Protein backbone atom coordinates (compact mmCIF):
# COMPACT_ATOMS: atom_id res chain seq x y z
CA MET A 1 6.46 139.11 -152.62
CA GLY A 2 7.52 140.81 -149.16
CA SER A 3 8.47 138.85 -146.22
CA LYS A 4 5.94 138.45 -143.48
CA THR A 5 6.95 138.96 -139.73
CA VAL A 6 5.00 136.18 -137.35
CA MET A 7 4.48 137.54 -134.15
CA PRO A 8 5.24 135.06 -130.88
CA ARG A 9 1.65 134.71 -129.41
CA ARG A 10 1.13 136.58 -125.70
CA ASP A 11 -0.67 134.65 -123.80
CA ALA A 12 1.37 135.28 -120.20
CA ARG A 13 1.41 138.58 -118.37
CA LEU A 14 3.54 140.51 -115.77
CA GLU A 15 2.76 142.99 -113.53
CA MET A 16 4.96 144.48 -110.94
CA ARG A 17 4.37 147.43 -108.43
CA ILE A 18 6.71 150.36 -109.31
CA SER A 19 7.55 154.10 -108.21
CA ALA A 20 5.11 157.15 -109.62
CA GLU A 21 8.94 158.45 -110.42
CA ILE A 22 10.14 155.02 -111.94
CA LYS A 23 6.87 155.28 -113.59
CA ALA A 24 6.95 158.02 -115.06
CA LEU A 25 10.68 157.53 -116.26
CA LEU A 26 10.00 154.38 -118.34
CA ASP A 27 6.92 156.17 -120.17
CA GLU A 28 9.04 159.41 -120.97
CA ALA A 29 11.65 156.78 -122.10
CA ALA A 30 9.64 154.80 -124.09
CA ALA A 31 7.48 157.98 -125.66
CA SER A 32 10.80 159.75 -126.71
CA VAL A 33 11.44 156.91 -129.28
CA GLY A 34 7.32 156.19 -129.61
CA LEU A 35 6.40 153.10 -128.09
CA SER A 36 4.37 152.29 -125.74
CA THR A 37 5.73 151.61 -122.03
CA SER A 38 5.07 147.71 -122.35
CA ALA A 39 6.59 147.94 -125.79
CA PHE A 40 9.84 150.02 -124.28
CA VAL A 41 10.54 147.99 -121.13
CA LEU A 42 10.09 144.46 -123.23
CA ALA A 43 12.40 146.29 -126.02
CA THR A 44 14.64 146.60 -123.02
CA VAL A 45 15.00 143.66 -120.72
CA THR A 46 14.48 141.42 -123.38
CA PRO A 47 17.97 141.35 -124.88
CA ARG A 48 19.67 141.69 -121.18
CA ALA A 49 17.43 138.71 -119.86
CA ARG A 50 19.11 136.23 -122.59
CA GLU A 51 22.18 137.74 -122.32
CA VAL A 52 22.26 136.58 -118.24
CA VAL A 53 20.70 133.40 -119.17
CA HIS A 54 23.80 132.71 -121.73
CA GLN A 55 26.66 134.28 -118.95
CA ARG A 56 24.62 131.53 -116.72
CA GLU A 57 24.86 128.83 -119.55
CA VAL A 58 28.68 129.05 -120.25
CA ILE A 59 29.81 129.24 -116.69
CA GLU A 60 27.88 125.98 -116.35
CA LYS A 61 29.62 124.61 -119.84
CA HIS A 62 33.11 126.41 -118.16
CA ARG A 63 32.33 124.82 -115.16
CA GLU A 64 31.21 120.97 -116.17
CA ASN A 65 34.32 120.88 -118.94
CA LEU A 66 36.56 121.80 -115.57
CA SER A 67 34.97 119.38 -113.92
CA ALA A 68 35.46 116.54 -116.59
CA CYS A 69 39.26 117.32 -116.73
CA ARG A 70 39.66 117.42 -113.25
CA GLN A 71 38.16 113.45 -113.00
CA ASP A 72 40.70 113.41 -116.75
CA GLU A 73 43.42 114.30 -114.79
CA SER A 74 43.13 112.38 -111.49
CA ALA A 75 42.10 109.02 -113.37
CA SER A 76 46.10 109.34 -114.60
């Protein structure tokens, strides 16, 4: 039996004002890979957003660990 992909519910909107030149560029890029402009932007931006959030989490964890080490050193 084939696997069924469950798509997350799309219940939020994102709107932005962009120049006509950027819109044309996005439309052309999306068409060149066979996607709608919305699908292209979503597919392009989502991985980068995850990367940025992950990097922030790593930095925060590093700061927490560094702070804990400094507290351990000062307690000694």
